[in-house]
Amino acid sequence: ATPSGGAATSKEGGAASSGSKSDEVEDHWTPLRIERAARRGYDMRQSKGGQWELKISMANIEPPLTKVGMERYCTWLRERLSDFREEHGAEPLHSCRGEIDFSHDKMTNEMLWMLLETLAQNEVHIALLKLFANEISQGGVLAICEFIRSNSDAGPVHELHLSQNEIDDDAALELLSTLHSLSTRYPPKRPDGRPVPVWVRLNRNAIRDSAKVLRDLHAEGISSCPAPSSQGCGPTRCARPDCPLLHLDLGEERSDPASDAEAGDRAKRSRGGRKRQRDRERRRGAGAACEDRSGEDSAPRL
């Protein structure tokens, strides 16, 4: 969803005035450029079974969207969703299994508020929200919490990809507690009626004590699973017989430090054993070579 290049122009089509680099980047996102990028990243279609599905792909935008660019994008998106509602009614938006991808966009908290407010105003079902590798901190998490609470006529969120942001311990707890407070909607159900944990990725953030976060969650009665793929867990199923609220990755070290030390010792011993074996082989080779030379010296000369 990368817009076409070219010199930055004003809305009226004239050359942009000289200024700072940030001004030039902001001027790049004219309404025309926003519309081009938005159209490329927007897909609303109906499946053979009649289910409407929405995909918005705006990841890795270059140059990154600015506040002005996001305002213009939300204006475009609001008009598009409003037109769809007038033609098809509200119900398809309530159950459209939306997939929203704004990853790697340097998105700020304020920009996230704009986007989620636009989606909530139109009661759009967002099943998958990809926001990893941005600049989201506590303010952005509060925007997500407000969206989850207020967008109650639409389907629940199934996946939250929030890694590589600036989310701290308190913000993480706020988000997960919000999901816990909506027990009639979470854990969500798949189309076949099976409950499945919310897939939450919070690794590589500003969380300082993931072990304490987990303890606080369990103290509040919030169940979670680390989603080990080796045991068959994934976004659409959990290997546990009871369905926890969360498939949660906080980026914590899941291995035991004592086990790590023991494994390191075993590796050192293994390396040492291989070195001793190589030394023995070299000594045997050298000894065989000496015997060959000794045999040559004692052999009769013709």
C-alpha atoms as a PDB file:
ATOM      1  CA  ALA A   1       0.000   0.000   0.000  1.00  0.00           C
ATOM      2  CA  THR A   2       2.776   2.373  -0.925  1.00  0.00           C
ATOM      3  CA  PRO A   3       1.557   5.504  -2.734  1.00  0.00           C
ATOM      4  CA  SER A   4       3.175   6.604  -5.947  1.00  0.00           C
ATOM      5  CA  GLY A   5       6.147   8.907  -5.636  1.00  0.00           C
ATOM      6  CA  GLY A   6       6.724  12.348  -7.059  1.00  0.00           C
ATOM      7  CA  ALA A   7       7.269  15.846  -5.831  1.00  0.00           C
ATOM      8  CA  ALA A   8       5.147  16.921  -2.896  1.00  0.00           C
ATOM      9  CA  THR A   9       2.261  19.141  -3.950  1.00  0.00           C
ATOM     10  CA  SER A  10      -0.412  21.129  -2.205  1.00  0.00           C
ATOM     11  CA  LYS A  11      -4.120  20.293  -2.362  1.00  0.00           C
ATOM     12  CA  GLU A  12      -4.553  22.790  -5.191  1.00  0.00           C
ATOM     13  CA  GLY A  13      -1.781  21.108  -7.178  1.00  0.00           C
ATOM     14  CA  GLY A  14       0.933  23.732  -6.769  1.00  0.00           C
ATOM     15  CA  ALA A  15       4.454  23.006  -5.587  1.00  0.00           C
ATOM     16  CA  ALA A  16       4.850  22.690  -1.849  1.00  0.00           C
ATOM     17  CA  SER A  17       6.505  25.612  -0.139  1.00  0.00           C
ATOM     18  CA  SER A  18      10.006  25.070   1.192  1.00  0.00           C
ATOM     19  CA  GLY A  19      10.229  24.235   4.868  1.00  0.00           C
ATOM     20  CA  SER A  20      11.457  21.679   7.320  1.00  0.00           C
ATOM     21  CA  LYS A  21      11.765  18.017   6.444  1.00  0.00           C
ATOM     22  CA  SER A  22       8.787  17.157   8.680  1.00  0.00           C
ATOM     23  CA  ASP A  23       6.649  19.704   6.808  1.00  0.00           C
ATOM     24  CA  GLU A  24       7.632  18.134   3.486  1.00  0.00           C
ATOM     25  CA  VAL A  25       6.660  14.668   4.724  1.00  0.00           C
ATOM     26  CA  GLU A  26       3.343  15.988   6.032  1.00  0.00           C
ATOM     27  CA  ASP A  27       2.646  17.764   2.741  1.00  0.00           C
ATOM     28  CA  HIS A  28       3.191  14.468   0.929  1.00  0.00           C
ATOM     29  CA  TRP A  29      -0.127  13.117   2.223  1.00  0.00           C
ATOM     30  CA  THR A  30      -2.487  15.192   0.138  1.00  0.00           C
ATOM     31  CA  PRO A  31      -6.107  14.003  -0.079  1.00  0.00           C
ATOM     32  CA  LEU A  32      -5.361  12.588  -3.532  1.00  0.00           C
ATOM     33  CA  ARG A  33      -2.397  10.533  -2.337  1.00  0.00           C
ATOM     34  CA  ILE A  34      -4.377   9.320   0.682  1.00  0.00           C
ATOM     35  CA  GLU A  35      -7.210   8.200  -1.568  1.00  0.00           C
ATOM     36  CA  ARG A  36      -4.847   6.271  -3.841  1.00  0.00           C
ATOM     37  CA  ALA A  37      -3.147   4.497  -0.939  1.00  0.00           C
ATOM     38  CA  ALA A  38      -6.456   3.847   0.831  1.00  0.00           C
ATOM     39  CA  ARG A  39      -8.079   2.319  -2.253  1.00  0.00           C
ATOM     40  CA  ARG A  40      -5.150  -0.041  -2.769  1.00  0.00           C
ATOM     41  CA  GLY A  41      -5.315  -1.194   0.845  1.00  0.00           C
ATOM     42  CA  TYR A  42      -9.094  -1.643   1.096  1.00  0.00           C
ATOM     43  CA  ASP A  43     -10.946  -4.840   0.232  1.00  0.00           C
ATOM     44  CA  MET A  44     -14.559  -5.575   1.169  1.00  0.00           C
ATOM     45  CA  ARG A  45     -15.957  -8.635  -0.529  1.00  0.00           C
ATOM     46  CA  GLN A  46     -18.624 -11.262  -0.065  1.00  0.00           C
ATOM     47  CA  SER A  47     -17.678 -14.928   0.113  1.00  0.00           C
ATOM     48  CA  LYS A  48     -19.545 -17.695  -1.679  1.00  0.00           C
ATOM     49  CA  GLY A  49     -21.412 -18.411   1.520  1.00  0.00           C
ATOM     50  CA  GLY A  50     -22.635 -14.833   1.720  1.00  0.00           C
ATOM     51  CA  GLN A  51     -20.274 -13.729   4.508  1.00  0.00           C
ATOM     52  CA  TRP A  52     -18.839 -10.231   4.079  1.00  0.00           C
ATOM     53  CA  GLU A  53     -15.118  -9.922   4.806  1.00  0.00           C
ATOM     54  CA  LEU A  54     -13.131  -6.716   5.247  1.00  0.00           C
ATOM     55  CA  LYS A  55      -9.374  -6.353   4.850  1.00  0.00           C
ATOM     56  CA  ILE A  56      -7.494  -3.112   5.342  1.00  0.00           C
ATOM     57  CA  SER A  57      -3.786  -3.402   4.522  1.00  0.00           C
ATOM     58  CA  MET A  58      -1.840  -0.225   5.259  1.00  0.00           C
ATOM     59  CA  ALA A  59       1.397  -1.689   6.647  1.00  0.00           C
ATOM     60  CA  ASN A  60       4.865  -0.308   5.833  1.00  0.00           C
ATOM     61  CA  ILE A  61       3.559   2.934   4.348  1.00  0.00           C
ATOM     62  CA  GLU A  62       6.344   5.139   2.985  1.00  0.00           C
ATOM     63  CA  PRO A  63       6.680   7.841   4.010  1.00  0.00           C
ATOM     64  CA  PRO A  64       4.891   6.991   7.259  1.00  0.00           C
ATOM     65  CA  LEU A  65       1.477   8.540   7.794  1.00  0.00           C
ATOM     66  CA  THR A  66       1.466  11.726   9.808  1.00  0.00           C
ATOM     67  CA  LYS A  67      -1.326  12.996  12.041  1.00  0.00           C
ATOM     68  CA  VAL A  68      -2.720  14.982   9.108  1.00  0.00           C
ATOM     69  CA  GLY A  69      -2.409  11.947   6.868  1.00  0.00           C
ATOM     70  CA  MET A  70      -4.320   9.787   9.366  1.00  0.00           C
ATOM     71  CA  GLU A  71      -7.042  12.432   9.673  1.00  0.00           C
ATOM     72  CA  ARG A  72      -7.477  12.406   5.918  1.00  0.00           C
ATOM     73  CA  TYR A  73      -7.402   8.614   5.801  1.00  0.00           C
ATOM     74  CA  CYS A  74     -10.120   8.375   8.464  1.00  0.00           C
ATOM     75  CA  THR A  75     -12.266  10.861   6.538  1.00  0.00           C
ATOM     76  CA  TRP A  76     -11.946   8.654   3.448  1.00  0.00           C
ATOM     77  CA  LEU A  77     -12.640   5.451   5.432  1.00  0.00           C
ATOM     78  CA  ARG A  78     -15.660   6.975   7.195  1.00  0.00           C
ATOM     79  CA  GLU A  79     -17.222   7.887   3.868  1.00  0.00           C
ATOM     80  CA  ARG A  80     -16.532   4.443   2.400  1.00  0.00           C
ATOM     81  CA  LEU A  81     -18.050   2.617   5.382  1.00  0.00           C
ATOM     82  CA  SER A  82     -21.029   4.951   5.477  1.00  0.00           C
ATOM     83  CA  ASP A  83     -21.735   4.279   1.805  1.00  0.00           C
ATOM     84  CA  PHE A  84     -21.530   0.543   2.434  1.00  0.00           C
ATOM     85  CA  ARG A  85     -23.932   0.805   5.374  1.00  0.00           C
ATOM     86  CA  GLU A  86     -26.470   2.710   3.279  1.00  0.00           C
ATOM     87  CA  GLU A  87     -26.346   0.056   0.555  1.00  0.00           C
ATOM     88  CA  HIS A  88     -26.162  -3.147   2.617  1.00  0.00           C
ATOM     89  CA  GLY A  89     -27.292  -2.196   6.115  1.00  0.00           C
ATOM     90  CA  ALA A  90     -25.411  -2.402   9.430  1.00  0.00           C
ATOM     91  CA  GLU A  91     -25.420  -6.170   9.980  1.00  0.00           C
ATOM     92  CA  PRO A  92     -22.670  -7.036   7.439  1.00  0.00           C
ATOM     93  CA  LEU A  93     -20.358  -4.583   9.228  1.00  0.00           C
ATOM     94  CA  HIS A  94     -21.188  -6.176  12.593  1.00  0.00           C
ATOM     95  CA  SER A  95     -19.918  -9.557  11.399  1.00  0.00           C
ATOM     96  CA  CYS A  96     -17.409  -8.850   8.619  1.00  0.00           C
ATOM     97  CA  ARG A  97     -14.400 -10.474  10.363  1.00  0.00           C
ATOM     98  CA  GLY A  98     -12.297  -7.402   9.671  1.00  0.00           C
ATOM     99  CA  GLU A  99      -8.521  -7.719   9.389  1.00  0.00           C
ATOM    100  CA  ILE A 100      -6.758  -4.401   9.994  1.00  0.00           C
ATOM    101  CA  ASP A 101      -3.007  -4.101   9.399  1.00  0.00           C
ATOM    102  CA  PHE A 102      -1.188  -0.862  10.255  1.00  0.00           C
ATOM    103  CA  SER A 103       2.072  -2.503  11.332  1.00  0.00           C
ATOM    104  CA  HIS A 104       5.460  -0.832  10.808  1.00  0.00           C
ATOM    105  CA  ASP A 105       3.814   2.590  10.353  1.00  0.00           C
ATOM    106  CA  LYS A 106       5.211   4.652  13.263  1.00  0.00           C
ATOM    107  CA  MET A 107       1.626   5.004  14.443  1.00  0.00           C
ATOM    108  CA  THR A 108       1.210   7.163  17.550  1.00  0.00           C
ATOM    109  CA  ASN A 109      -1.417   6.920  20.275  1.00  0.00           C
ATOM    110  CA  GLU A 110      -3.372   9.838  18.826  1.00  0.00           C
ATOM    111  CA  MET A 111      -3.437   8.307  15.370  1.00  0.00           C
ATOM    112  CA  LEU A 112      -4.684   5.016  16.812  1.00  0.00           C
ATOM    113  CA  TRP A 113      -7.513   6.834  18.604  1.00  0.00           C
ATOM    114  CA  MET A 114      -8.568   8.357  15.259  1.00  0.00           C
ATOM    115  CA  LEU A 115      -8.595   5.007  13.480  1.00  0.00           C
ATOM    116  CA  LEU A 116     -10.448   3.052  16.161  1.00  0.00           C
ATOM    117  CA  GLU A 117     -12.993   5.814  16.674  1.00  0.00           C
ATOM    118  CA  THR A 118     -13.786   5.703  12.955  1.00  0.00           C
ATOM    119  CA  LEU A 119     -14.248   1.930  13.057  1.00  0.00           C
ATOM    120  CA  ALA A 120     -16.367   2.073  16.227  1.00  0.00           C
ATOM    121  CA  GLN A 121     -18.630   4.778  14.809  1.00  0.00           C
ATOM    122  CA  ASN A 122     -19.516   2.394  12.001  1.00  0.00           C
ATOM    123  CA  GLU A 123     -19.685  -0.640  14.340  1.00  0.00           C
ATOM    124  CA  VAL A 124     -17.179  -2.626  12.296  1.00  0.00           C
ATOM    125  CA  HIS A 125     -16.261  -6.104  13.490  1.00  0.00           C
ATOM    126  CA  ILE A 126     -12.463  -6.244  13.844  1.00  0.00           C
ATOM    127  CA  ALA A 127     -11.412  -9.850  14.331  1.00  0.00           C
ATOM    128  CA  LEU A 128      -7.693  -9.273  13.762  1.00  0.00           C
ATOM    129  CA  LEU A 129      -5.802  -6.090  14.640  1.00  0.00           C
ATOM    130  CA  LYS A 130      -2.155  -5.892  13.560  1.00  0.00           C
ATOM    131  CA  LEU A 131      -0.368  -2.933  15.121  1.00  0.00           C
ATOM    132  CA  PHE A 132       3.111  -4.303  15.775  1.00  0.00           C
ATOM    133  CA  ALA A 133       6.266  -2.199  15.338  1.00  0.00           C
ATOM    134  CA  ASN A 134       4.698   1.186  16.035  1.00  0.00           C
ATOM    135  CA  GLU A 135       4.912   3.850  18.762  1.00  0.00           C
ATOM    136  CA  ILE A 136       1.930   2.749  20.835  1.00  0.00           C
ATOM    137  CA  SER A 137       2.108   3.163  24.601  1.00  0.00           C
ATOM    138  CA  GLN A 138      -0.440   3.486  27.411  1.00  0.00           C
ATOM    139  CA  GLY A 139      -2.590   6.038  25.560  1.00  0.00           C
ATOM    140  CA  GLY A 140      -2.929   3.721  22.582  1.00  0.00           C
ATOM    141  CA  VAL A 141      -3.800   0.772  24.817  1.00  0.00           C
ATOM    142  CA  LEU A 142      -6.581   2.870  26.378  1.00  0.00           C
ATOM    143  CA  ALA A 143      -7.888   3.495  22.853  1.00  0.00           C
ATOM    144  CA  ILE A 144      -7.986  -0.262  22.232  1.00  0.00           C
ATOM    145  CA  CYS A 145      -9.774  -0.837  25.552  1.00  0.00           C
ATOM    146  CA  GLU A 146     -12.370   1.800  24.707  1.00  0.00           C
ATOM    147  CA  PHE A 147     -12.902   0.265  21.279  1.00  0.00           C
ATOM    148  CA  ILE A 148     -13.386  -3.220  22.777  1.00  0.00           C
ATOM    149  CA  ARG A 149     -15.918  -1.897  25.308  1.00  0.00           C
ATOM    150  CA  SER A 150     -17.869   0.471  23.053  1.00  0.00           C
ATOM    151  CA  ASN A 151     -18.060  -1.631  19.882  1.00  0.00           C
ATOM    152  CA  SER A 152     -20.404  -4.101  21.537  1.00  0.00           C
ATOM    153  CA  ASP A 153     -22.842  -4.518  18.637  1.00  0.00           C
ATOM    154  CA  ALA A 154     -20.063  -5.921  16.453  1.00  0.00           C
ATOM    155  CA  GLY A 155     -18.281  -9.245  16.874  1.00  0.00           C
ATOM    156  CA  PRO A 156     -15.418  -9.626  19.374  1.00  0.00           C
ATOM    157  CA  VAL A 157     -11.719  -9.214  18.699  1.00  0.00           C
ATOM    158  CA  HIS A 158      -9.898 -12.516  18.150  1.00  0.00           C
ATOM    159  CA  GLU A 159      -6.273 -11.428  17.679  1.00  0.00           C
ATOM    160  CA  LEU A 160      -4.247  -8.455  18.948  1.00  0.00           C
ATOM    161  CA  HIS A 161      -0.744  -8.183  17.516  1.00  0.00           C
ATOM    162  CA  LEU A 162       0.964  -5.472  19.586  1.00  0.00           C
ATOM    163  CA  SER A 163       4.604  -6.546  19.774  1.00  0.00           C
ATOM    164  CA  GLN A 164       7.462  -4.062  19.270  1.00  0.00           C
ATOM    165  CA  ASN A 165       5.699  -1.063  20.771  1.00  0.00           C
ATOM    166  CA  GLU A 166       6.126   0.912  24.016  1.00  0.00           C
ATOM    167  CA  ILE A 167       3.495  -0.801  26.168  1.00  0.00           C
ATOM    168  CA  ASP A 168       4.457  -1.101  29.841  1.00  0.00           C
ATOM    169  CA  ASP A 169       3.325  -3.408  32.651  1.00  0.00           C
ATOM    170  CA  ASP A 170       0.354  -1.269  33.759  1.00  0.00           C
ATOM    171  CA  ALA A 171      -0.919  -0.810  30.213  1.00  0.00           C
ATOM    172  CA  ALA A 172      -0.692  -4.533  29.535  1.00  0.00           C
ATOM    173  CA  LEU A 173      -2.683  -5.298  32.697  1.00  0.00           C
ATOM    174  CA  GLU A 174      -5.300  -2.715  31.741  1.00  0.00           C
ATOM    175  CA  LEU A 175      -5.807  -4.310  28.338  1.00  0.00           C
ATOM    176  CA  LEU A 176      -6.039  -7.862  29.638  1.00  0.00           C
ATOM    177  CA  SER A 177      -8.313  -6.868  32.525  1.00  0.00           C
ATOM    178  CA  THR A 178     -10.641  -5.171  30.045  1.00  0.00           C
ATOM    179  CA  LEU A 179     -11.003  -8.421  28.102  1.00  0.00           C
ATOM    180  CA  HIS A 180     -11.654 -10.246  31.387  1.00  0.00           C
ATOM    181  CA  SER A 181     -14.389  -7.776  32.373  1.00  0.00           C
ATOM    182  CA  LEU A 182     -16.397  -8.601  29.230  1.00  0.00           C
ATOM    183  CA  SER A 183     -17.059 -12.208  30.166  1.00  0.00           C
ATOM    184  CA  THR A 184     -20.170 -12.512  27.983  1.00  0.00           C
ATOM    185  CA  ARG A 185     -18.075 -11.865  24.862  1.00  0.00           C
ATOM    186  CA  TYR A 186     -14.651 -13.233  25.771  1.00  0.00           C
ATOM    187  CA  PRO A 187     -13.167 -15.687  25.121  1.00  0.00           C
ATOM    188  CA  PRO A 188     -14.634 -15.275  21.621  1.00  0.00           C
ATOM    189  CA  LYS A 189     -16.183 -18.055  19.569  1.00  0.00           C
ATOM    190  CA  ARG A 190     -15.099 -19.219  16.148  1.00  0.00           C
ATOM    191  CA  PRO A 191     -17.663 -19.486  13.324  1.00  0.00           C
ATOM    192  CA  ASP A 192     -18.248 -23.128  14.282  1.00  0.00           C
ATOM    193  CA  GLY A 193     -19.194 -22.116  17.824  1.00  0.00           C
ATOM    194  CA  ARG A 194     -16.005 -23.260  19.563  1.00  0.00           C
ATOM    195  CA  PRO A 195     -14.545 -20.830  22.117  1.00  0.00           C
ATOM    196  CA  VAL A 196     -10.912 -19.915  21.532  1.00  0.00           C
ATOM    197  CA  PRO A 197      -8.529 -17.745  23.582  1.00  0.00           C
ATOM    198  CA  VAL A 198      -7.812 -14.197  22.448  1.00  0.00           C
ATOM    199  CA  TRP A 199      -4.453 -14.259  20.681  1.00  0.00           C
ATOM    200  CA  VAL A 200      -2.444 -11.437  22.334  1.00  0.00           C
ATOM    201  CA  ARG A 201       1.152 -10.653  21.398  1.00  0.00           C
ATOM    202  CA  LEU A 202       2.877  -8.171  23.734  1.00  0.00           C
ATOM    203  CA  ASN A 203       6.483  -9.319  23.393  1.00  0.00           C
ATOM    204  CA  ARG A 204       9.275  -6.806  22.750  1.00  0.00           C
ATOM    205  CA  ASN A 205       7.530  -3.949  24.544  1.00  0.00           C
ATOM    206  CA  ALA A 206       8.388  -1.935  27.654  1.00  0.00           C
ATOM    207  CA  ILE A 207       7.191  -4.636  30.056  1.00  0.00           C
ATOM    208  CA  ARG A 208       9.791  -4.873  32.829  1.00  0.00           C
ATOM    209  CA  ASP A 209       8.489  -7.744  34.943  1.00  0.00           C
ATOM    210  CA  SER A 210       6.467 -10.190  32.877  1.00  0.00           C
ATOM    211  CA  ALA A 211       6.453 -12.743  35.698  1.00  0.00           C
ATOM    212  CA  LYS A 212       4.713 -10.238  38.003  1.00  0.00           C
ATOM    213  CA  VAL A 213       2.213  -9.367  35.265  1.00  0.00           C
ATOM    214  CA  LEU A 214       1.321 -13.055  35.022  1.00  0.00           C
ATOM    215  CA  ARG A 215       1.010 -13.335  38.799  1.00  0.00           C
ATOM    216  CA  ASP A 216      -1.293 -10.299  38.900  1.00  0.00           C
ATOM    217  CA  LEU A 217      -3.418 -11.767  36.110  1.00  0.00           C
ATOM    218  CA  HIS A 218      -3.810 -15.074  37.894  1.00  0.00           C
ATOM    219  CA  ALA A 219      -4.624 -13.252  41.148  1.00  0.00           C
ATOM    220  CA  GLU A 220      -7.520 -11.599  39.320  1.00  0.00           C
ATOM    221  CA  GLY A 221      -8.694 -14.952  38.005  1.00  0.00           C
ATOM    222  CA  ILE A 222      -7.574 -14.240  34.427  1.00  0.00           C
ATOM    223  CA  SER A 223      -6.561 -17.495  32.762  1.00  0.00           C
ATOM    224  CA  SER A 224      -3.907 -17.671  30.063  1.00  0.00           C
ATOM    225  CA  CYS A 225      -1.912 -20.120  27.999  1.00  0.00           C
ATOM    226  CA  PRO A 226       1.549 -19.437  26.491  1.00  0.00           C
ATOM    227  CA  ALA A 227       0.308 -21.051  23.251  1.00  0.00           C
ATOM    228  CA  PRO A 228       3.110 -23.570  22.676  1.00  0.00           C
ATOM    229  CA  SER A 229       2.912 -24.542  19.019  1.00  0.00           C
ATOM    230  CA  SER A 230       4.626 -27.827  19.843  1.00  0.00           C
ATOM    231  CA  GLN A 231       1.495 -28.846  21.750  1.00  0.00           C
ATOM    232  CA  GLY A 232      -0.898 -27.817  18.999  1.00  0.00           C
ATOM    233  CA  CYS A 233      -1.909 -24.333  20.175  1.00  0.00           C
ATOM    234  CA  GLY A 234      -2.523 -21.615  17.617  1.00  0.00           C
ATOM    235  CA  PRO A 235      -4.819 -18.656  16.835  1.00  0.00           C
ATOM    236  CA  THR A 236      -7.751 -20.973  16.090  1.00  0.00           C
ATOM    237  CA  ARG A 237      -7.390 -23.596  18.835  1.00  0.00           C
ATOM    238  CA  CYS A 238      -5.926 -24.332  22.266  1.00  0.00           C
ATOM    239  CA  ALA A 239      -4.563 -27.698  23.358  1.00  0.00           C
ATOM    240  CA  ARG A 240      -5.892 -27.248  26.892  1.00  0.00           C
ATOM    241  CA  PRO A 241      -9.193 -29.000  27.638  1.00  0.00           C
ATOM    242  CA  ASP A 242     -10.536 -25.860  29.327  1.00  0.00           C
ATOM    243  CA  CYS A 243     -10.482 -22.730  27.160  1.00  0.00           C
ATOM    244  CA  PRO A 244      -8.471 -19.942  28.857  1.00  0.00           C
ATOM    245  CA  LEU A 245      -9.200 -16.294  28.169  1.00  0.00           C
ATOM    246  CA  LEU A 246      -5.827 -15.575  26.578  1.00  0.00           C
ATOM    247  CA  HIS A 247      -3.160 -17.011  24.342  1.00  0.00           C
ATOM    248  CA  LEU A 248      -0.566 -14.666  25.766  1.00  0.00           C
ATOM    249  CA  ASP A 249       3.020 -13.821  24.839  1.00  0.00           C
ATOM    250  CA  LEU A 250       4.645 -11.245  27.106  1.00  0.00           C
ATOM    251  CA  GLY A 251       8.145 -12.022  25.911  1.00  0.00           C
ATOM    252  CA  GLU A 252       9.002 -13.704  29.190  1.00  0.00           C
ATOM    253  CA  GLU A 253      11.802 -16.246  29.451  1.00  0.00           C
ATOM    254  CA  ARG A 254       9.945 -19.536  29.631  1.00  0.00           C
ATOM    255  CA  SER A 255      12.971 -21.707  30.378  1.00  0.00           C
ATOM    256  CA  ASP A 256      14.349 -22.398  33.844  1.00  0.00           C
ATOM    257  CA  PRO A 257      17.678 -20.575  34.464  1.00  0.00           C
ATOM    258  CA  ALA A 258      18.985 -23.638  36.286  1.00  0.00           C
ATOM    259  CA  SER A 259      18.136 -25.771  33.271  1.00  0.00           C
ATOM    260  CA  ASP A 260      19.844 -23.247  31.019  1.00  0.00           C
ATOM    261  CA  ALA A 261      23.006 -23.426  33.143  1.00  0.00           C
ATOM    262  CA  GLU A 262      22.920 -27.203  33.111  1.00  0.00           C
ATOM    263  CA  ALA A 263      22.462 -27.209  29.338  1.00  0.00           C
ATOM    264  CA  GLY A 264      25.401 -24.829  29.016  1.00  0.00           C
ATOM    265  CA  ASP A 265      27.563 -27.128  31.114  1.00  0.00           C
ATOM    266  CA  ARG A 266      26.565 -30.091  28.959  1.00  0.00           C
ATOM    267  CA  ALA A 267      27.442 -28.149  25.831  1.00  0.00           C
ATOM    268  CA  LYS A 268      30.854 -27.237  27.262  1.00  0.00           C
ATOM    269  CA  ARG A 269      31.520 -30.843  28.222  1.00  0.00           C
ATOM    270  CA  SER A 270      30.446 -31.953  24.771  1.00  0.00           C
ATOM    271  CA  ARG A 271      32.760 -29.424  23.108  1.00  0.00           C
ATOM    272  CA  GLY A 272      35.597 -30.520  25.410  1.00  0.00           C
ATOM    273  CA  GLY A 273      34.961 -34.171  24.591  1.00  0.00           C
ATOM    274  CA  ARG A 274      35.022 -33.486  20.859  1.00  0.00           C
ATOM    275  CA  LYS A 275      38.308 -31.575  21.227  1.00  0.00           C
ATOM    276  CA  ARG A 276      39.913 -34.441  23.174  1.00  0.00           C
ATOM    277  CA  GLN A 277      38.727 -36.887  20.518  1.00  0.00           C
ATOM    278  CA  ARG A 278      40.302 -34.760  17.765  1.00  0.00           C
ATOM    279  CA  ASP A 279      43.568 -34.580  19.751  1.00  0.00           C
ATOM    280  CA  ARG A 280      43.647 -38.358  20.129  1.00  0.00           C
ATOM    281  CA  GLU A 281      43.043 -38.825  16.414  1.00  0.00           C
ATOM    282  CA  ARG A 282      45.839 -36.396  15.577  1.00  0.00           C
ATOM    283  CA  ARG A 283      48.220 -38.246  17.938  1.00  0.00           C
ATOM    284  CA  ARG A 284      47.316 -41.598  16.388  1.00  0.00           C
ATOM    285  CA  GLY A 285      47.870 -40.142  12.939  1.00  0.00           C
ATOM    286  CA  ALA A 286      51.213 -38.711  13.925  1.00  0.00           C
ATOM    287  CA  GLY A 287      52.266 -42.046  15.453  1.00  0.00           C
ATOM    288  CA  ALA A 288      51.319 -43.932  12.280  1.00  0.00           C
ATOM    289  CA  ALA A 289      53.333 -41.485  10.203  1.00  0.00           C
ATOM    290  CA  CYS A 290      56.404 -42.025  12.418  1.00  0.00           C
ATOM    291  CA  GLU A 291      56.127 -45.791  12.048  1.00  0.00           C
ATOM    292  CA  ASP A 292      55.929 -45.427   8.265  1.00  0.00           C
ATOM    293  CA  ARG A 293      59.053 -43.289   8.212  1.00  0.00           C
ATOM    294  CA  SER A 294      60.845 -45.719  10.532  1.00  0.00           C
ATOM    295  CA  GLY A 295      59.945 -48.595   8.194  1.00  0.00           C
ATOM    296  CA  GLU A 296      61.313 -46.693   5.223  1.00  0.00           C
ATOM    297  CA  ASP A 297      64.659 -46.104   6.996  1.00  0.00           C
ATOM    298  CA  SER A 298      65.123 -49.830   7.856  1.00  0.00           C
ATOM    299  CA  ALA A 299      64.140 -51.126   4.440  1.00  0.00           C
ATOM    300  CA  PRO A 300      67.098 -52.476   2.318  1.00  0.00           C
ATOM    301  CA  ARG A 301      68.299 -50.082  -0.389  1.00  0.00           C
ATOM    302  CA  LEU A 302      68.541 -51.445  -3.902  1.00  0.00           C
END
